[in-house]
Amino acid sequence: MFVQNYIKVPKFSSFAEFFQADSTFTIERHLEEAADLNPKFMFSATYNPGKGFIIKSINRQLATYELDKTYWDLQVNNKSISMGISKYVPKDGDNILFNFTRAS
């Protein structure tokens, strides 16, 4: 799993590898495990009726779409997906990216 923010200060990128211990774990569950293992990693999510939970902030970098059109884009294998972290179950070999993005 990759996380990157090249838009707002403080800019950052990080990588975490996770192993699919349970084939029913959603991305949300993997993020919870990452936060349990690394107290410096944190995230928050908000519920969207069509998508499930979507990322609102990672490492205190808050997406403020209404203000400046920024959001956390969830990509799987280099493609944005239209579901949230509580609905997507990664497959073995998936590359997950949370990219802090600004809509044009």
PDB file of N, CA and C in Angstrom:
ATOM      1  N   MET A   1       0.848  -1.163   0.000  1.00  0.00           N
ATOM      2  CA  MET A   1       0.000   0.000   0.000  1.00  0.00           C
ATOM      3  C   MET A   1       0.899   1.232   0.000  1.00  0.00           C
ATOM      4  N   PHE A   2       0.605   2.156  -0.892  1.00  0.00           N
ATOM      5  CA  PHE A   2       1.327   3.412  -0.986  1.00  0.00           C
ATOM      6  C   PHE A   2       0.391   4.549  -0.591  1.00  0.00           C
ATOM      7  N   VAL A   3       0.965   5.561   0.043  1.00  0.00           N
ATOM      8  CA  VAL A   3       0.235   6.782   0.383  1.00  0.00           C
ATOM      9  C   VAL A   3       1.107   7.935  -0.079  1.00  0.00           C
ATOM     10  N   GLN A   4       0.521   8.874  -0.838  1.00  0.00           N
ATOM     11  CA  GLN A   4       1.330  10.005  -1.277  1.00  0.00           C
ATOM     12  C   GLN A   4       0.525  11.292  -1.304  1.00  0.00           C
ATOM     13  N   ASN A   5       1.207  12.349  -0.908  1.00  0.00           N
ATOM     14  CA  ASN A   5       0.664  13.702  -0.940  1.00  0.00           C
ATOM     15  C   ASN A   5       1.766  14.612  -1.458  1.00  0.00           C
ATOM     16  N   TYR A   6       1.609  15.086  -2.677  1.00  0.00           N
ATOM     17  CA  TYR A   6       2.576  16.020  -3.260  1.00  0.00           C
ATOM     18  C   TYR A   6       1.935  17.382  -3.508  1.00  0.00           C
ATOM     19  N   ILE A   7       0.780  17.628  -2.869  1.00  0.00           N
ATOM     20  CA  ILE A   7       0.043  18.867  -3.113  1.00  0.00           C
ATOM     21  C   ILE A   7       0.190  19.862  -1.972  1.00  0.00           C
ATOM     22  N   LYS A   8      -0.091  19.430  -0.743  1.00  0.00           N
ATOM     23  CA  LYS A   8      -0.092  20.337   0.406  1.00  0.00           C
ATOM     24  C   LYS A   8       1.053  20.024   1.358  1.00  0.00           C
ATOM     25  N   VAL A   9       1.549  21.054   2.009  1.00  0.00           N
ATOM     26  CA  VAL A   9       2.593  20.909   3.028  1.00  0.00           C
ATOM     27  C   VAL A   9       1.919  20.451   4.324  1.00  0.00           C
ATOM     28  N   PRO A  10       2.463  19.482   5.029  1.00  0.00           N
ATOM     29  CA  PRO A  10       3.709  18.783   4.737  1.00  0.00           C
ATOM     30  C   PRO A  10       3.497  17.683   3.696  1.00  0.00           C
ATOM     31  N   LYS A  11       4.311  17.703   2.659  1.00  0.00           N
ATOM     32  CA  LYS A  11       4.232  16.685   1.613  1.00  0.00           C
ATOM     33  C   LYS A  11       4.878  15.404   2.135  1.00  0.00           C
ATOM     34  N   PHE A  12       4.361  14.257   1.696  1.00  0.00           N
ATOM     35  CA  PHE A  12       4.914  12.996   2.170  1.00  0.00           C
ATOM     36  C   PHE A  12       4.537  11.861   1.229  1.00  0.00           C
ATOM     37  N   SER A  13       5.277  10.789   1.344  1.00  0.00           N
ATOM     38  CA  SER A  13       4.917   9.526   0.709  1.00  0.00           C
ATOM     39  C   SER A  13       5.399   8.420   1.630  1.00  0.00           C
ATOM     40  N   SER A  14       4.678   7.320   1.636  1.00  0.00           N
ATOM     41  CA  SER A  14       5.083   6.187   2.462  1.00  0.00           C
ATOM     42  C   SER A  14       4.559   4.900   1.848  1.00  0.00           C
ATOM     43  N   PHE A  15       5.123   3.809   2.314  1.00  0.00           N
ATOM     44  CA  PHE A  15       4.787   2.491   1.804  1.00  0.00           C
ATOM     45  C   PHE A  15       4.618   1.546   2.983  1.00  0.00           C
ATOM     46  N   ALA A  16       3.625   0.695   2.899  1.00  0.00           N
ATOM     47  CA  ALA A  16       3.440  -0.359   3.900  1.00  0.00           C
ATOM     48  C   ALA A  16       3.045  -1.627   3.163  1.00  0.00           C
ATOM     49  N   GLU A  17       3.658  -2.714   3.544  1.00  0.00           N
ATOM     50  CA  GLU A  17       3.317  -3.993   2.934  1.00  0.00           C
ATOM     51  C   GLU A  17       2.423  -4.750   3.893  1.00  0.00           C
ATOM     52  N   PHE A  18       1.352  -5.314   3.367  1.00  0.00           N
ATOM     53  CA  PHE A  18       0.506  -6.145   4.210  1.00  0.00           C
ATOM     54  C   PHE A  18       0.254  -7.465   3.510  1.00  0.00           C
ATOM     55  N   PHE A  19       0.015  -8.442   4.327  1.00  0.00           N
ATOM     56  CA  PHE A  19      -0.224  -9.786   3.820  1.00  0.00           C
ATOM     57  C   PHE A  19      -1.678 -10.131   4.070  1.00  0.00           C
ATOM     58  N   GLN A  20      -2.307 -10.729   3.103  1.00  0.00           N
ATOM     59  CA  GLN A  20      -3.723 -11.050   3.176  1.00  0.00           C
ATOM     60  C   GLN A  20      -3.918 -12.260   4.086  1.00  0.00           C
ATOM     61  N   ALA A  21      -3.983 -12.009   5.392  1.00  0.00           N
ATOM     62  CA  ALA A  21      -4.170 -13.092   6.356  1.00  0.00           C
ATOM     63  C   ALA A  21      -5.573 -13.671   6.260  1.00  0.00           C
ATOM     64  N   ASP A  22      -6.517 -12.846   5.911  1.00  0.00           N
ATOM     65  CA  ASP A  22      -7.910 -13.262   5.812  1.00  0.00           C
ATOM     66  C   ASP A  22      -8.458 -12.673   4.524  1.00  0.00           C
ATOM     67  N   SER A  23      -8.966 -13.508   3.647  1.00  0.00           N
ATOM     68  CA  SER A  23      -9.412 -13.039   2.334  1.00  0.00           C
ATOM     69  C   SER A  23     -10.672 -12.189   2.402  1.00  0.00           C
ATOM     70  N   THR A  24     -11.226 -11.981   3.599  1.00  0.00           N
ATOM     71  CA  THR A  24     -12.401 -11.122   3.734  1.00  0.00           C
ATOM     72  C   THR A  24     -12.046  -9.736   4.269  1.00  0.00           C
ATOM     73  N   PHE A  25     -10.764  -9.482   4.558  1.00  0.00           N
ATOM     74  CA  PHE A  25     -10.356  -8.177   5.092  1.00  0.00           C
ATOM     75  C   PHE A  25     -10.510  -7.102   4.023  1.00  0.00           C
ATOM     76  N   THR A  26     -11.200  -6.035   4.372  1.00  0.00           N
ATOM     77  CA  THR A  26     -11.314  -4.885   3.480  1.00  0.00           C
ATOM     78  C   THR A  26     -10.074  -4.006   3.629  1.00  0.00           C
ATOM     79  N   ILE A  27      -9.946  -3.031   2.751  1.00  0.00           N
ATOM     80  CA  ILE A  27      -8.851  -2.069   2.881  1.00  0.00           C
ATOM     81  C   ILE A  27      -8.961  -1.350   4.223  1.00  0.00           C
ATOM     82  N   GLU A  28     -10.175  -1.073   4.653  1.00  0.00           N
ATOM     83  CA  GLU A  28     -10.371  -0.418   5.948  1.00  0.00           C
ATOM     84  C   GLU A  28      -9.712  -1.221   7.069  1.00  0.00           C
ATOM     85  N   ARG A  29      -9.889  -2.525   7.061  1.00  0.00           N
ATOM     86  CA  ARG A  29      -9.301  -3.380   8.100  1.00  0.00           C
ATOM     87  C   ARG A  29      -7.770  -3.335   8.043  1.00  0.00           C
ATOM     88  N   HIS A  30      -7.205  -3.327   6.843  1.00  0.00           N
ATOM     89  CA  HIS A  30      -5.749  -3.236   6.704  1.00  0.00           C
ATOM     90  C   HIS A  30      -5.230  -1.890   7.223  1.00  0.00           C
ATOM     91  N   LEU A  31      -5.975  -0.807   6.968  1.00  0.00           N
ATOM     92  CA  LEU A  31      -5.578   0.504   7.494  1.00  0.00           C
ATOM     93  C   LEU A  31      -5.612   0.510   9.017  1.00  0.00           C
ATOM     94  N   GLU A  32      -6.621  -0.134   9.597  1.00  0.00           N
ATOM     95  CA  GLU A  32      -6.700  -0.231  11.059  1.00  0.00           C
ATOM     96  C   GLU A  32      -5.488  -0.975  11.612  1.00  0.00           C
ATOM     97  N   GLU A  33      -5.094  -2.060  10.952  1.00  0.00           N
ATOM     98  CA  GLU A  33      -3.916  -2.813  11.390  1.00  0.00           C
ATOM     99  C   GLU A  33      -2.650  -1.964  11.276  1.00  0.00           C
ATOM    100  N   ALA A  34      -2.530  -1.203  10.182  1.00  0.00           N
ATOM    101  CA  ALA A  34      -1.360  -0.329  10.008  1.00  0.00           C
ATOM    102  C   ALA A  34      -1.297   0.701  11.132  1.00  0.00           C
ATOM    103  N   ALA A  35      -2.445   1.256  11.510  1.00  0.00           N
ATOM    104  CA  ALA A  35      -2.486   2.242  12.597  1.00  0.00           C
ATOM    105  C   ALA A  35      -2.144   1.597  13.940  1.00  0.00           C
ATOM    106  N   ASP A  36      -2.555   0.348  14.140  1.00  0.00           N
ATOM    107  CA  ASP A  36      -2.207  -0.363  15.378  1.00  0.00           C
ATOM    108  C   ASP A  36      -0.705  -0.613  15.467  1.00  0.00           C
ATOM    109  N   LEU A  37      -0.074  -0.915  14.333  1.00  0.00           N
ATOM    110  CA  LEU A  37       1.355  -1.227  14.313  1.00  0.00           C
ATOM    111  C   LEU A  37       2.244   0.012  14.351  1.00  0.00           C
ATOM    112  N   ASN A  38       1.750   1.122  13.811  1.00  0.00           N
ATOM    113  CA  ASN A  38       2.552   2.341  13.723  1.00  0.00           C
ATOM    114  C   ASN A  38       1.746   3.516  14.267  1.00  0.00           C
ATOM    115  N   PRO A  39       2.035   3.958  15.491  1.00  0.00           N
ATOM    116  CA  PRO A  39       1.251   5.044  16.086  1.00  0.00           C
ATOM    117  C   PRO A  39       1.356   6.374  15.333  1.00  0.00           C
ATOM    118  N   LYS A  40       2.336   6.523  14.445  1.00  0.00           N
ATOM    119  CA  LYS A  40       2.447   7.754  13.655  1.00  0.00           C
ATOM    120  C   LYS A  40       1.498   7.748  12.456  1.00  0.00           C
ATOM    121  N   PHE A  41       1.007   6.564  12.090  1.00  0.00           N
ATOM    122  CA  PHE A  41       0.068   6.470  10.973  1.00  0.00           C
ATOM    123  C   PHE A  41      -1.347   6.623  11.506  1.00  0.00           C
ATOM    124  N   MET A  42      -2.107   7.521  10.895  1.00  0.00           N
ATOM    125  CA  MET A  42      -3.497   7.703  11.302  1.00  0.00           C
ATOM    126  C   MET A  42      -4.343   8.052  10.089  1.00  0.00           C
ATOM    127  N   PHE A  43      -5.614   7.734  10.189  1.00  0.00           N
ATOM    128  CA  PHE A  43      -6.535   8.069   9.109  1.00  0.00           C
ATOM    129  C   PHE A  43      -7.918   8.292   9.699  1.00  0.00           C
ATOM    130  N   SER A  44      -8.740   8.993   8.939  1.00  0.00           N
ATOM    131  CA  SER A  44     -10.146   9.128   9.297  1.00  0.00           C
ATOM    132  C   SER A  44     -10.963   8.928   8.031  1.00  0.00           C
ATOM    133  N   ALA A  45     -12.191   8.521   8.226  1.00  0.00           N
ATOM    134  CA  ALA A  45     -13.068   8.241   7.090  1.00  0.00           C
ATOM    135  C   ALA A  45     -14.453   8.792   7.381  1.00  0.00           C
ATOM    136  N   THR A  46     -15.196   8.993   6.330  1.00  0.00           N
ATOM    137  CA  THR A  46     -16.572   9.455   6.452  1.00  0.00           C
ATOM    138  C   THR A  46     -17.450   8.550   5.595  1.00  0.00           C
ATOM    139  N   TYR A  47     -18.697   8.391   6.006  1.00  0.00           N
ATOM    140  CA  TYR A  47     -19.583   7.465   5.306  1.00  0.00           C
ATOM    141  C   TYR A  47     -20.250   8.129   4.113  1.00  0.00           C
ATOM    142  N   ASN A  48     -20.208   7.441   2.980  1.00  0.00           N
ATOM    143  CA  ASN A  48     -20.885   7.860   1.758  1.00  0.00           C
ATOM    144  C   ASN A  48     -21.890   6.763   1.418  1.00  0.00           C
ATOM    145  N   PRO A  49     -23.193   7.080   1.343  1.00  0.00           N
ATOM    146  CA  PRO A  49     -24.202   6.034   1.140  1.00  0.00           C
ATOM    147  C   PRO A  49     -23.968   5.135  -0.075  1.00  0.00           C
ATOM    148  N   GLY A  50     -23.381   5.632  -1.134  1.00  0.00           N
ATOM    149  CA  GLY A  50     -23.167   4.802  -2.315  1.00  0.00           C
ATOM    150  C   GLY A  50     -21.865   4.027  -2.307  1.00  0.00           C
ATOM    151  N   LYS A  51     -20.863   4.541  -1.599  1.00  0.00           N
ATOM    152  CA  LYS A  51     -19.524   3.959  -1.666  1.00  0.00           C
ATOM    153  C   LYS A  51     -19.081   3.253  -0.393  1.00  0.00           C
ATOM    154  N   GLY A  52     -19.748   3.487   0.719  1.00  0.00           N
ATOM    155  CA  GLY A  52     -19.260   3.006   2.007  1.00  0.00           C
ATOM    156  C   GLY A  52     -18.360   4.073   2.600  1.00  0.00           C
ATOM    157  N   PHE A  53     -17.426   3.686   3.466  1.00  0.00           N
ATOM    158  CA  PHE A  53     -16.532   4.666   4.086  1.00  0.00           C
ATOM    159  C   PHE A  53     -15.444   5.075   3.100  1.00  0.00           C
ATOM    160  N   ILE A  54     -15.227   6.389   3.005  1.00  0.00           N
ATOM    161  CA  ILE A  54     -14.173   6.934   2.145  1.00  0.00           C
ATOM    162  C   ILE A  54     -13.196   7.724   3.019  1.00  0.00           C
ATOM    163  N   ILE A  55     -11.952   7.780   2.581  1.00  0.00           N
ATOM    164  CA  ILE A  55     -10.907   8.460   3.349  1.00  0.00           C
ATOM    165  C   ILE A  55     -11.158   9.960   3.377  1.00  0.00           C
ATOM    166  N   LYS A  56     -11.096  10.519   4.561  1.00  0.00           N
ATOM    167  CA  LYS A  56     -11.196  11.968   4.755  1.00  0.00           C
ATOM    168  C   LYS A  56      -9.816  12.564   5.041  1.00  0.00           C
ATOM    169  N   SER A  57      -8.987  11.830   5.817  1.00  0.00           N
ATOM    170  CA  SER A  57      -7.631  12.311   6.081  1.00  0.00           C
ATOM    171  C   SER A  57      -6.692  11.132   6.304  1.00  0.00           C
ATOM    172  N   ILE A  58      -5.432  11.356   5.957  1.00  0.00           N
ATOM    173  CA  ILE A  58      -4.352  10.421   6.257  1.00  0.00           C
ATOM    174  C   ILE A  58      -3.213  11.255   6.823  1.00  0.00           C
ATOM    175  N   ASN A  59      -2.692  10.810   7.964  1.00  0.00           N
ATOM    176  CA  ASN A  59      -1.601  11.523   8.644  1.00  0.00           C
ATOM    177  C   ASN A  59      -1.892  13.020   8.769  1.00  0.00           C
ATOM    178  N   ARG A  60      -3.113  13.306   9.158  1.00  0.00           N
ATOM    179  CA  ARG A  60      -3.612  14.665   9.407  1.00  0.00           C
ATOM    180  C   ARG A  60      -3.746  15.532   8.158  1.00  0.00           C
ATOM    181  N   GLN A  61      -3.564  14.946   6.972  1.00  0.00           N
ATOM    182  CA  GLN A  61      -3.780  15.714   5.744  1.00  0.00           C
ATOM    183  C   GLN A  61      -5.246  15.552   5.355  1.00  0.00           C
ATOM    184  N   LEU A  62      -6.010  16.595   5.633  1.00  0.00           N
ATOM    185  CA  LEU A  62      -7.456  16.578   5.464  1.00  0.00           C
ATOM    186  C   LEU A  62      -7.847  16.947   4.038  1.00  0.00           C
ATOM    187  N   ALA A  63      -8.694  16.118   3.442  1.00  0.00           N
ATOM    188  CA  ALA A  63      -9.260  16.436   2.131  1.00  0.00           C
ATOM    189  C   ALA A  63     -10.412  17.415   2.339  1.00  0.00           C
ATOM    190  N   THR A  64     -10.373  18.517   1.616  1.00  0.00           N
ATOM    191  CA  THR A  64     -11.402  19.552   1.753  1.00  0.00           C
ATOM    192  C   THR A  64     -11.952  19.887   0.371  1.00  0.00           C
ATOM    193  N   TYR A  65     -12.682  18.948  -0.186  1.00  0.00           N
ATOM    194  CA  TYR A  65     -13.179  19.097  -1.554  1.00  0.00           C
ATOM    195  C   TYR A  65     -14.022  20.361  -1.717  1.00  0.00           C
ATOM    196  N   GLU A  66     -14.865  20.644  -0.742  1.00  0.00           N
ATOM    197  CA  GLU A  66     -15.747  21.809  -0.840  1.00  0.00           C
ATOM    198  C   GLU A  66     -14.958  23.115  -0.887  1.00  0.00           C
ATOM    199  N   LEU A  67     -13.810  23.140  -0.241  1.00  0.00           N
ATOM    200  CA  LEU A  67     -12.990  24.350  -0.157  1.00  0.00           C
ATOM    201  C   LEU A  67     -11.999  24.485  -1.315  1.00  0.00           C
ATOM    202  N   ASP A  68     -11.227  23.415  -1.573  1.00  0.00           N
ATOM    203  CA  ASP A  68     -10.161  23.514  -2.579  1.00  0.00           C
ATOM    204  C   ASP A  68     -10.110  22.331  -3.549  1.00  0.00           C
ATOM    205  N   LYS A  69     -11.184  21.523  -3.564  1.00  0.00           N
ATOM    206  CA  LYS A  69     -11.326  20.386  -4.484  1.00  0.00           C
ATOM    207  C   LYS A  69     -10.292  19.276  -4.265  1.00  0.00           C
ATOM    208  N   THR A  70      -9.754  19.152  -3.033  1.00  0.00           N
ATOM    209  CA  THR A  70      -8.821  18.062  -2.747  1.00  0.00           C
ATOM    210  C   THR A  70      -9.576  16.860  -2.194  1.00  0.00           C
ATOM    211  N   TYR A  71      -9.052  15.679  -2.508  1.00  0.00           N
ATOM    212  CA  TYR A  71      -9.633  14.431  -2.017  1.00  0.00           C
ATOM    213  C   TYR A  71      -8.574  13.336  -2.065  1.00  0.00           C
ATOM    214  N   TRP A  72      -8.827  12.265  -1.322  1.00  0.00           N
ATOM    215  CA  TRP A  72      -7.955  11.094  -1.344  1.00  0.00           C
ATOM    216  C   TRP A  72      -8.502  10.121  -2.380  1.00  0.00           C
ATOM    217  N   ASP A  73      -7.760   9.958  -3.464  1.00  0.00           N
ATOM    218  CA  ASP A  73      -8.144   9.063  -4.554  1.00  0.00           C
ATOM    219  C   ASP A  73      -7.637   7.662  -4.234  1.00  0.00           C
ATOM    220  N   LEU A  74      -8.544   6.699  -4.176  1.00  0.00           N
ATOM    221  CA  LEU A  74      -8.183   5.302  -3.938  1.00  0.00           C
ATOM    222  C   LEU A  74      -7.990   4.625  -5.288  1.00  0.00           C
ATOM    223  N   GLN A  75      -6.770   4.126  -5.518  1.00  0.00           N
ATOM    224  CA  GLN A  75      -6.455   3.448  -6.772  1.00  0.00           C
ATOM    225  C   GLN A  75      -6.028   2.012  -6.489  1.00  0.00           C
ATOM    226  N   VAL A  76      -6.471   1.119  -7.348  1.00  0.00           N
ATOM    227  CA  VAL A  76      -6.057  -0.280  -7.296  1.00  0.00           C
ATOM    228  C   VAL A  76      -5.452  -0.610  -8.649  1.00  0.00           C
ATOM    229  N   ASN A  77      -4.199  -1.030  -8.627  1.00  0.00           N
ATOM    230  CA  ASN A  77      -3.474  -1.361  -9.857  1.00  0.00           C
ATOM    231  C   ASN A  77      -3.526  -0.211 -10.865  1.00  0.00           C
ATOM    232  N   ASN A  78      -3.252   0.998 -10.360  1.00  0.00           N
ATOM    233  CA  ASN A  78      -3.152   2.229 -11.163  1.00  0.00           C
ATOM    234  C   ASN A  78      -4.469   2.714 -11.750  1.00  0.00           C
ATOM    235  N   LYS A  79      -5.607   2.270 -11.201  1.00  0.00           N
ATOM    236  CA  LYS A  79      -6.914   2.741 -11.663  1.00  0.00           C
ATOM    237  C   LYS A  79      -7.748   3.167 -10.467  1.00  0.00           C
ATOM    238  N   SER A  80      -8.354   4.352 -10.569  1.00  0.00           N
ATOM    239  CA  SER A  80      -9.262   4.805  -9.514  1.00  0.00           C
ATOM    240  C   SER A  80     -10.450   3.859  -9.441  1.00  0.00           C
ATOM    241  N   ILE A  81     -10.884   3.575  -8.214  1.00  0.00           N
ATOM    242  CA  ILE A  81     -12.062   2.721  -8.069  1.00  0.00           C
ATOM    243  C   ILE A  81     -13.195   3.536  -7.455  1.00  0.00           C
ATOM    244  N   SER A  82     -14.412   3.094  -7.688  1.00  0.00           N
ATOM    245  CA  SER A  82     -15.578   3.875  -7.274  1.00  0.00           C
ATOM    246  C   SER A  82     -16.224   3.347  -6.001  1.00  0.00           C
ATOM    247  N   MET A  83     -15.462   2.628  -5.188  1.00  0.00           N
ATOM    248  CA  MET A  83     -15.995   2.176  -3.908  1.00  0.00           C
ATOM    249  C   MET A  83     -15.042   2.582  -2.803  1.00  0.00           C
ATOM    250  N   GLY A  84     -15.562   2.609  -1.597  1.00  0.00           N
ATOM    251  CA  GLY A  84     -14.773   3.055  -0.463  1.00  0.00           C
ATOM    252  C   GLY A  84     -13.954   1.947   0.177  1.00  0.00           C
ATOM    253  N   ILE A  85     -13.237   2.335   1.235  1.00  0.00           N
ATOM    254  CA  ILE A  85     -12.331   1.412   1.918  1.00  0.00           C
ATOM    255  C   ILE A  85     -13.066   0.304   2.659  1.00  0.00           C
ATOM    256  N   SER A  86     -14.333   0.526   2.986  1.00  0.00           N
ATOM    257  CA  SER A  86     -15.094  -0.483   3.729  1.00  0.00           C
ATOM    258  C   SER A  86     -15.730  -1.517   2.814  1.00  0.00           C
ATOM    259  N   LYS A  87     -15.633  -1.324   1.507  1.00  0.00           N
ATOM    260  CA  LYS A  87     -16.260  -2.266   0.572  1.00  0.00           C
ATOM    261  C   LYS A  87     -15.262  -3.054  -0.260  1.00  0.00           C
ATOM    262  N   TYR A  88     -14.069  -2.510  -0.480  1.00  0.00           N
ATOM    263  CA  TYR A  88     -13.119  -3.195  -1.366  1.00  0.00           C
ATOM    264  C   TYR A  88     -12.261  -4.184  -0.585  1.00  0.00           C
ATOM    265  N   VAL A  89     -12.246  -5.432  -1.044  1.00  0.00           N
ATOM    266  CA  VAL A  89     -11.394  -6.477  -0.472  1.00  0.00           C
ATOM    267  C   VAL A  89     -10.249  -6.704  -1.456  1.00  0.00           C
ATOM    268  N   PRO A  90      -9.011  -6.366  -1.058  1.00  0.00           N
ATOM    269  CA  PRO A  90      -7.880  -6.527  -1.978  1.00  0.00           C
ATOM    270  C   PRO A  90      -7.649  -7.988  -2.353  1.00  0.00           C
ATOM    271  N   LYS A  91      -7.226  -8.160  -3.589  1.00  0.00           N
ATOM    272  CA  LYS A  91      -6.844  -9.487  -4.072  1.00  0.00           C
ATOM    273  C   LYS A  91      -5.325  -9.615  -3.960  1.00  0.00           C
ATOM    274  N   ASP A  92      -4.847 -10.834  -3.891  1.00  0.00           N
ATOM    275  CA  ASP A  92      -3.418 -11.079  -3.814  1.00  0.00           C
ATOM    276  C   ASP A  92      -2.729 -10.407  -5.002  1.00  0.00           C
ATOM    277  N   GLY A  93      -1.714  -9.603  -4.732  1.00  0.00           N
ATOM    278  CA  GLY A  93      -0.969  -8.927  -5.786  1.00  0.00           C
ATOM    279  C   GLY A  93      -1.473  -7.540  -6.136  1.00  0.00           C
ATOM    280  N   ASP A  94      -2.610  -7.116  -5.572  1.00  0.00           N
ATOM    281  CA  ASP A  94      -3.112  -5.762  -5.837  1.00  0.00           C
ATOM    282  C   ASP A  94      -2.126  -4.716  -5.328  1.00  0.00           C
ATOM    283  N   ASN A  95      -1.955  -3.654  -6.098  1.00  0.00           N
ATOM    284  CA  ASN A  95      -1.197  -2.482  -5.661  1.00  0.00           C
ATOM    285  C   ASN A  95      -2.205  -1.409  -5.287  1.00  0.00           C
ATOM    286  N   ILE A  96      -2.201  -1.023  -4.014  1.00  0.00           N
ATOM    287  CA  ILE A  96      -3.148  -0.043  -3.484  1.00  0.00           C
ATOM    288  C   ILE A  96      -2.426   1.290  -3.326  1.00  0.00           C
ATOM    289  N   LEU A  97      -3.043   2.363  -3.814  1.00  0.00           N
ATOM    290  CA  LEU A  97      -2.474   3.704  -3.693  1.00  0.00           C
ATOM    291  C   LEU A  97      -3.548   4.660  -3.200  1.00  0.00           C
ATOM    292  N   PHE A  98      -3.217   5.413  -2.147  1.00  0.00           N
ATOM    293  CA  PHE A  98      -4.023   6.549  -1.722  1.00  0.00           C
ATOM    294  C   PHE A  98      -3.267   7.783  -2.175  1.00  0.00           C
ATOM    295  N   ASN A  99      -3.813   8.476  -3.157  1.00  0.00           N
ATOM    296  CA  ASN A  99      -3.149   9.625  -3.756  1.00  0.00           C
ATOM    297  C   ASN A  99      -3.940  10.890  -3.426  1.00  0.00           C
ATOM    298  N   PHE A 100      -3.303  11.815  -2.702  1.00  0.00           N
ATOM    299  CA  PHE A 100      -3.956  13.082  -2.393  1.00  0.00           C
ATOM    300  C   PHE A 100      -4.013  13.888  -3.681  1.00  0.00           C
ATOM    301  N   THR A 101      -5.214  14.241  -4.100  1.00  0.00           N
ATOM    302  CA  THR A 101      -5.459  14.754  -5.441  1.00  0.00           C
ATOM    303  C   THR A 101      -6.300  16.020  -5.388  1.00  0.00           C
ATOM    304  N   ARG A 102      -6.145  16.847  -6.403  1.00  0.00           N
ATOM    305  CA  ARG A 102      -6.999  18.023  -6.565  1.00  0.00           C
ATOM    306  C   ARG A 102      -7.750  17.874  -7.886  1.00  0.00           C
ATOM    307  N   ALA A 103      -9.078  17.969  -7.812  1.00  0.00           N
ATOM    308  CA  ALA A 103      -9.899  17.882  -9.021  1.00  0.00           C
ATOM    309  C   ALA A 103      -9.667  19.123  -9.877  1.00  0.00           C
ATOM    310  N   SER A 104      -9.765  18.948 -11.179  1.00  0.00           N
ATOM    311  CA  SER A 104      -9.558  20.102 -12.068  1.00  0.00           C
ATOM    312  C   SER A 104     -10.852  20.808 -12.379  1.00  0.00           C
TER     313      SER A 104
END
